[in-house]
N, C-alpha and C. Protein backbone atom coordinates (compact mmCIF):
# COMPACT_ATOMS: atom_id res chain seq x y z
N MET A 1 0.82 -1.19 0.00
CA MET A 1 0.00 0.00 0.00
C MET A 1 0.87 1.26 0.00
N THR A 2 1.94 1.25 0.78
CA THR A 2 2.79 2.43 0.87
C THR A 2 3.43 2.74 -0.48
N LEU A 3 3.97 1.70 -1.15
CA LEU A 3 4.60 1.93 -2.45
C LEU A 3 3.57 2.41 -3.46
N TRP A 4 2.36 1.85 -3.41
CA TRP A 4 1.31 2.28 -4.31
C TRP A 4 1.01 3.76 -4.10
N PHE A 5 0.84 4.16 -2.84
CA PHE A 5 0.53 5.56 -2.54
C PHE A 5 1.66 6.47 -2.99
N LYS A 6 2.89 6.02 -2.79
CA LYS A 6 4.04 6.83 -3.20
C LYS A 6 4.01 7.04 -4.72
N ASP A 7 3.75 5.97 -5.47
CA ASP A 7 3.70 6.09 -6.92
C ASP A 7 2.56 6.98 -7.38
N ILE A 8 1.39 6.79 -6.78
CA ILE A 8 0.22 7.59 -7.17
C ILE A 8 0.45 9.06 -6.84
N SER A 9 0.98 9.33 -5.64
CA SER A 9 1.18 10.73 -5.26
C SER A 9 2.23 11.41 -6.12
N ARG A 10 3.18 10.65 -6.62
CA ARG A 10 4.19 11.23 -7.50
C ARG A 10 3.62 11.49 -8.89
N GLU A 11 2.78 10.57 -9.36
CA GLU A 11 2.22 10.70 -10.70
C GLU A 11 1.08 11.71 -10.78
N ALA A 12 0.30 11.82 -9.70
CA ALA A 12 -0.87 12.69 -9.73
C ALA A 12 -1.00 13.46 -8.42
N PRO A 13 -0.10 14.40 -8.16
CA PRO A 13 -0.20 15.16 -6.92
C PRO A 13 -1.48 16.00 -6.90
N THR A 14 -2.00 16.19 -5.72
CA THR A 14 -3.26 16.91 -5.58
C THR A 14 -3.07 18.41 -5.66
N VAL A 15 -4.17 19.10 -5.80
CA VAL A 15 -4.16 20.56 -5.87
C VAL A 15 -3.62 21.15 -4.57
N GLU A 16 -3.88 20.47 -3.44
CA GLU A 16 -3.41 20.98 -2.15
C GLU A 16 -1.88 21.06 -2.09
N LEU A 17 -1.21 20.23 -2.87
CA LEU A 17 0.26 20.24 -2.89
C LEU A 17 0.81 21.16 -3.97
N GLY A 18 -0.06 21.90 -4.62
CA GLY A 18 0.40 22.78 -5.69
C GLY A 18 0.46 22.06 -7.02
N ALA A 19 -0.12 20.87 -7.09
CA ALA A 19 -0.22 20.06 -8.30
C ALA A 19 1.14 19.61 -8.85
N HIS A 20 2.17 19.61 -8.03
CA HIS A 20 3.44 19.02 -8.45
C HIS A 20 4.22 18.57 -7.22
N TRP A 21 5.16 17.67 -7.45
CA TRP A 21 5.96 17.10 -6.37
C TRP A 21 7.41 17.26 -6.70
N PRO A 22 8.25 17.72 -5.84
CA PRO A 22 7.95 18.20 -4.50
C PRO A 22 7.20 19.52 -4.56
N PRO A 23 6.55 19.88 -3.47
CA PRO A 23 5.78 21.12 -3.44
C PRO A 23 6.67 22.33 -3.75
N ALA A 24 6.05 23.36 -4.28
CA ALA A 24 6.78 24.59 -4.61
C ALA A 24 7.46 25.17 -3.37
N GLY A 25 8.67 25.64 -3.55
CA GLY A 25 9.41 26.25 -2.45
C GLY A 25 10.27 25.28 -1.66
N ILE A 26 10.18 23.99 -1.96
CA ILE A 26 10.99 22.99 -1.26
C ILE A 26 12.24 22.71 -2.08
N GLU A 27 13.38 22.93 -1.48
CA GLU A 27 14.66 22.60 -2.11
C GLU A 27 15.01 21.18 -1.68
N THR A 28 15.06 20.26 -2.62
CA THR A 28 15.31 18.85 -2.28
C THR A 28 16.80 18.58 -2.14
N LEU A 29 17.11 17.47 -1.50
CA LEU A 29 18.49 17.03 -1.36
C LEU A 29 18.97 16.42 -2.67
N ASN A 30 20.24 16.60 -2.96
CA ASN A 30 20.81 15.99 -4.16
C ASN A 30 20.94 14.49 -3.92
N PRO A 31 20.24 13.65 -4.69
CA PRO A 31 20.27 12.21 -4.44
C PRO A 31 21.61 11.56 -4.75
N TRP A 32 22.51 12.25 -5.42
CA TRP A 32 23.80 11.68 -5.79
C TRP A 32 24.88 11.94 -4.75
N GLU A 33 24.54 12.55 -3.64
CA GLU A 33 25.52 12.84 -2.60
C GLU A 33 25.30 11.91 -1.41
N VAL A 34 24.93 12.44 -0.27
CA VAL A 34 24.77 11.65 0.96
C VAL A 34 23.73 10.53 0.81
N PRO A 35 22.58 10.76 0.16
CA PRO A 35 21.63 9.65 0.02
C PRO A 35 22.22 8.45 -0.73
N LEU A 36 22.99 8.70 -1.78
CA LEU A 36 23.61 7.60 -2.51
C LEU A 36 24.65 6.90 -1.64
N LEU A 37 25.44 7.67 -0.92
CA LEU A 37 26.44 7.10 -0.03
C LEU A 37 25.78 6.24 1.05
N ASN A 38 24.67 6.71 1.62
CA ASN A 38 23.96 5.93 2.62
C ASN A 38 23.39 4.65 2.02
N THR A 39 22.95 4.69 0.77
CA THR A 39 22.46 3.48 0.11
C THR A 39 23.58 2.46 -0.03
N VAL A 40 24.75 2.91 -0.44
CA VAL A 40 25.90 2.01 -0.57
C VAL A 40 26.27 1.42 0.79
N ILE A 41 26.23 2.24 1.83
CA ILE A 41 26.54 1.76 3.18
C ILE A 41 25.53 0.71 3.61
N LEU A 42 24.25 0.93 3.35
CA LEU A 42 23.23 -0.05 3.72
C LEU A 42 23.40 -1.36 2.98
N LEU A 43 23.69 -1.29 1.69
CA LEU A 43 23.92 -2.52 0.92
C LEU A 43 25.16 -3.25 1.43
N SER A 44 26.18 -2.50 1.77
CA SER A 44 27.41 -3.10 2.31
C SER A 44 27.15 -3.76 3.65
N SER A 45 26.33 -3.14 4.49
CA SER A 45 26.03 -3.74 5.79
C SER A 45 25.24 -5.03 5.62
N GLY A 46 24.41 -5.09 4.59
CA GLY A 46 23.72 -6.35 4.29
C GLY A 46 24.71 -7.44 3.92
N ALA A 47 25.74 -7.08 3.17
CA ALA A 47 26.77 -8.06 2.80
C ALA A 47 27.58 -8.50 4.01
N THR A 48 27.91 -7.57 4.90
CA THR A 48 28.72 -7.96 6.07
C THR A 48 27.93 -8.81 7.05
N VAL A 49 26.64 -8.54 7.23
CA VAL A 49 25.85 -9.37 8.13
C VAL A 49 25.62 -10.75 7.51
N THR A 50 25.51 -10.82 6.18
CA THR A 50 25.40 -12.12 5.51
C THR A 50 26.69 -12.90 5.66
N TYR A 51 27.82 -12.22 5.56
CA TYR A 51 29.11 -12.87 5.80
C TYR A 51 29.18 -13.42 7.22
N ALA A 52 28.73 -12.64 8.19
CA ALA A 52 28.73 -13.10 9.58
C ALA A 52 27.83 -14.32 9.74
N HIS A 53 26.69 -14.32 9.08
CA HIS A 53 25.76 -15.45 9.18
C HIS A 53 26.37 -16.71 8.57
N HIS A 54 26.97 -16.58 7.40
CA HIS A 54 27.62 -17.74 6.78
C HIS A 54 28.79 -18.23 7.62
N SER A 55 29.52 -17.32 8.22
CA SER A 55 30.63 -17.71 9.10
C SER A 55 30.09 -18.47 10.31
N LEU A 56 28.97 -18.05 10.84
CA LEU A 56 28.36 -18.73 11.97
C LEU A 56 27.96 -20.15 11.60
N ILE A 57 27.37 -20.31 10.43
CA ILE A 57 26.96 -21.64 9.97
C ILE A 57 28.17 -22.54 9.78
N GLN A 58 29.28 -21.99 9.31
CA GLN A 58 30.49 -22.77 9.06
C GLN A 58 31.34 -22.95 10.32
N GLY A 59 30.95 -22.33 11.41
CA GLY A 59 31.72 -22.45 12.65
C GLY A 59 32.97 -21.59 12.68
N ASN A 60 33.02 -20.57 11.87
CA ASN A 60 34.16 -19.66 11.78
C ASN A 60 33.93 -18.49 12.74
N ARG A 61 34.40 -18.64 13.97
CA ARG A 61 34.16 -17.63 15.01
C ARG A 61 34.77 -16.27 14.63
N ALA A 62 35.97 -16.28 14.09
CA ALA A 62 36.63 -15.02 13.71
C ALA A 62 35.83 -14.30 12.63
N GLY A 63 35.28 -15.05 11.68
CA GLY A 63 34.46 -14.45 10.63
C GLY A 63 33.18 -13.83 11.17
N VAL A 64 32.58 -14.50 12.17
CA VAL A 64 31.37 -13.96 12.80
C VAL A 64 31.70 -12.63 13.48
N ILE A 65 32.77 -12.62 14.24
CA ILE A 65 33.15 -11.40 14.96
C ILE A 65 33.48 -10.28 13.97
N TYR A 66 34.28 -10.59 12.95
CA TYR A 66 34.63 -9.58 11.95
C TYR A 66 33.38 -9.05 11.25
N GLY A 67 32.50 -9.95 10.84
CA GLY A 67 31.29 -9.55 10.13
C GLY A 67 30.39 -8.67 10.98
N LEU A 68 30.23 -9.03 12.25
CA LEU A 68 29.37 -8.23 13.12
C LEU A 68 29.98 -6.88 13.46
N ILE A 69 31.29 -6.86 13.68
CA ILE A 69 31.96 -5.57 13.95
C ILE A 69 31.83 -4.65 12.73
N ALA A 70 32.04 -5.21 11.54
CA ALA A 70 31.91 -4.41 10.32
C ALA A 70 30.48 -3.90 10.15
N THR A 71 29.50 -4.75 10.47
CA THR A 71 28.09 -4.35 10.35
C THR A 71 27.76 -3.21 11.31
N VAL A 72 28.21 -3.33 12.55
CA VAL A 72 27.94 -2.28 13.55
C VAL A 72 28.67 -0.99 13.16
N ALA A 73 29.88 -1.11 12.64
CA ALA A 73 30.62 0.09 12.21
C ALA A 73 29.89 0.78 11.05
N LEU A 74 29.40 0.00 10.10
CA LEU A 74 28.65 0.59 8.99
C LEU A 74 27.36 1.23 9.47
N ALA A 75 26.70 0.62 10.45
CA ALA A 75 25.48 1.21 11.02
C ALA A 75 25.79 2.54 11.69
N ALA A 76 26.91 2.61 12.38
CA ALA A 76 27.30 3.86 13.03
C ALA A 76 27.61 4.95 11.99
N VAL A 77 28.30 4.57 10.92
CA VAL A 77 28.60 5.53 9.86
C VAL A 77 27.30 6.00 9.20
N PHE A 78 26.39 5.05 8.93
CA PHE A 78 25.09 5.41 8.35
C PHE A 78 24.37 6.41 9.24
N THR A 79 24.33 6.14 10.53
CA THR A 79 23.64 7.03 11.48
C THR A 79 24.29 8.41 11.49
N GLY A 80 25.61 8.46 11.42
CA GLY A 80 26.32 9.74 11.37
C GLY A 80 25.98 10.53 10.12
N PHE A 81 25.96 9.86 8.97
CA PHE A 81 25.60 10.54 7.73
C PHE A 81 24.14 10.99 7.74
N GLN A 82 23.27 10.19 8.36
CA GLN A 82 21.87 10.58 8.45
C GLN A 82 21.72 11.83 9.33
N ALA A 83 22.46 11.88 10.43
CA ALA A 83 22.43 13.07 11.28
C ALA A 83 22.95 14.29 10.52
N PHE A 84 24.01 14.10 9.74
CA PHE A 84 24.55 15.18 8.91
C PHE A 84 23.50 15.66 7.91
N GLU A 85 22.79 14.70 7.30
CA GLU A 85 21.76 15.04 6.33
C GLU A 85 20.62 15.81 7.00
N TYR A 86 20.21 15.38 8.19
CA TYR A 86 19.15 16.09 8.92
C TYR A 86 19.58 17.52 9.25
N TYR A 87 20.81 17.66 9.71
CA TYR A 87 21.31 18.97 10.11
C TYR A 87 21.37 19.94 8.93
N ASN A 88 21.74 19.42 7.76
CA ASN A 88 21.94 20.27 6.59
C ASN A 88 20.75 20.32 5.63
N ALA A 89 19.68 19.62 5.95
CA ALA A 89 18.51 19.63 5.07
C ALA A 89 17.93 21.04 4.99
N PRO A 90 17.58 21.48 3.78
CA PRO A 90 17.04 22.83 3.64
C PRO A 90 15.55 22.93 3.97
N PHE A 91 14.98 21.89 4.57
CA PHE A 91 13.57 21.90 4.96
C PHE A 91 13.44 21.27 6.34
N THR A 92 12.30 21.48 6.97
CA THR A 92 12.07 20.95 8.32
C THR A 92 10.84 20.06 8.33
N PHE A 93 10.61 19.43 9.48
CA PHE A 93 9.45 18.56 9.65
C PHE A 93 8.15 19.33 9.43
N SER A 94 8.15 20.60 9.73
CA SER A 94 6.94 21.41 9.61
C SER A 94 6.75 22.04 8.23
N ASP A 95 7.59 21.67 7.27
CA ASP A 95 7.46 22.22 5.91
C ASP A 95 6.49 21.41 5.05
N GLY A 96 5.33 21.15 5.58
CA GLY A 96 4.28 20.49 4.81
C GLY A 96 4.50 19.00 4.65
N VAL A 97 3.87 18.47 3.62
CA VAL A 97 3.88 17.04 3.37
C VAL A 97 5.29 16.53 3.07
N TYR A 98 6.05 17.27 2.30
CA TYR A 98 7.38 16.81 1.91
C TYR A 98 8.30 16.64 3.12
N GLY A 99 8.39 17.66 3.95
CA GLY A 99 9.26 17.59 5.12
C GLY A 99 8.83 16.52 6.10
N SER A 100 7.53 16.44 6.38
CA SER A 100 7.06 15.44 7.34
C SER A 100 7.24 14.03 6.81
N THR A 101 7.00 13.82 5.51
CA THR A 101 7.20 12.50 4.92
C THR A 101 8.67 12.10 4.96
N PHE A 102 9.54 13.02 4.61
CA PHE A 102 10.98 12.73 4.63
C PHE A 102 11.45 12.34 6.03
N TYR A 103 11.11 13.16 7.02
CA TYR A 103 11.59 12.89 8.37
C TYR A 103 10.94 11.66 8.99
N MET A 104 9.68 11.41 8.70
CA MET A 104 9.02 10.22 9.25
C MET A 104 9.63 8.95 8.64
N ALA A 105 9.78 8.91 7.33
CA ALA A 105 10.30 7.72 6.66
C ALA A 105 11.75 7.45 7.07
N THR A 106 12.59 8.46 6.99
CA THR A 106 13.99 8.24 7.34
C THR A 106 14.18 8.10 8.84
N GLY A 107 13.34 8.77 9.62
CA GLY A 107 13.43 8.65 11.08
C GLY A 107 13.08 7.26 11.57
N PHE A 108 12.01 6.68 11.03
CA PHE A 108 11.66 5.31 11.41
C PHE A 108 12.76 4.34 11.03
N HIS A 109 13.35 4.56 9.86
CA HIS A 109 14.44 3.68 9.46
C HIS A 109 15.66 3.88 10.36
N GLY A 110 15.96 5.12 10.69
CA GLY A 110 17.09 5.40 11.57
C GLY A 110 16.91 4.79 12.95
N ILE A 111 15.70 4.87 13.48
CA ILE A 111 15.43 4.24 14.79
C ILE A 111 15.63 2.74 14.69
N HIS A 112 15.19 2.14 13.58
CA HIS A 112 15.40 0.71 13.37
C HIS A 112 16.89 0.37 13.38
N VAL A 113 17.68 1.16 12.69
CA VAL A 113 19.13 0.92 12.65
C VAL A 113 19.73 1.04 14.05
N ILE A 114 19.34 2.07 14.79
CA ILE A 114 19.89 2.27 16.13
C ILE A 114 19.49 1.13 17.06
N ILE A 115 18.23 0.70 17.01
CA ILE A 115 17.78 -0.40 17.87
C ILE A 115 18.50 -1.69 17.53
N ILE A 116 18.64 -2.00 16.26
CA ILE A 116 19.33 -3.22 15.85
C ILE A 116 20.81 -3.15 16.21
N THR A 117 21.40 -1.96 16.14
CA THR A 117 22.82 -1.81 16.43
C THR A 117 23.12 -2.03 17.92
N THR A 118 22.19 -1.66 18.79
CA THR A 118 22.45 -1.79 20.23
C THR A 118 22.15 -3.16 20.77
C-alpha cells in the first residue's frame, strides 16, 4: 500500500500540494551525494551481516566477529551521515507534506538501525 501511494502521489499530486511534487518552495536534497552514499553503506552492511551469518553456519568464530563488527561500524557511519543530512537539510518537519514524509520515513528507518545496532 505504501509503495502504491508513493507512486500515485508522485504521478498525480493533488491541488493541495500545488499540483506538483515536490511542493513549490521545497529545495530537495541531491540524491547523488549523501543519500547515494547511505544506500551504498546499507547494501554493504547487508553483505557484512550475511558474511557473519555464513561464518556462523560454518563455525568460523573469527568471521562472525569480523562480520558483526563491520556491520555495527557501517550502522554507526550510516547514522552519522543521516544526522549530517538532517542537520543540513534545507527543509524541516513542519514544511508540509514533503518535510514530514521525509523525516518520518527516514526517522523510522534510523530508529530501526539504532535499535538493531544496540
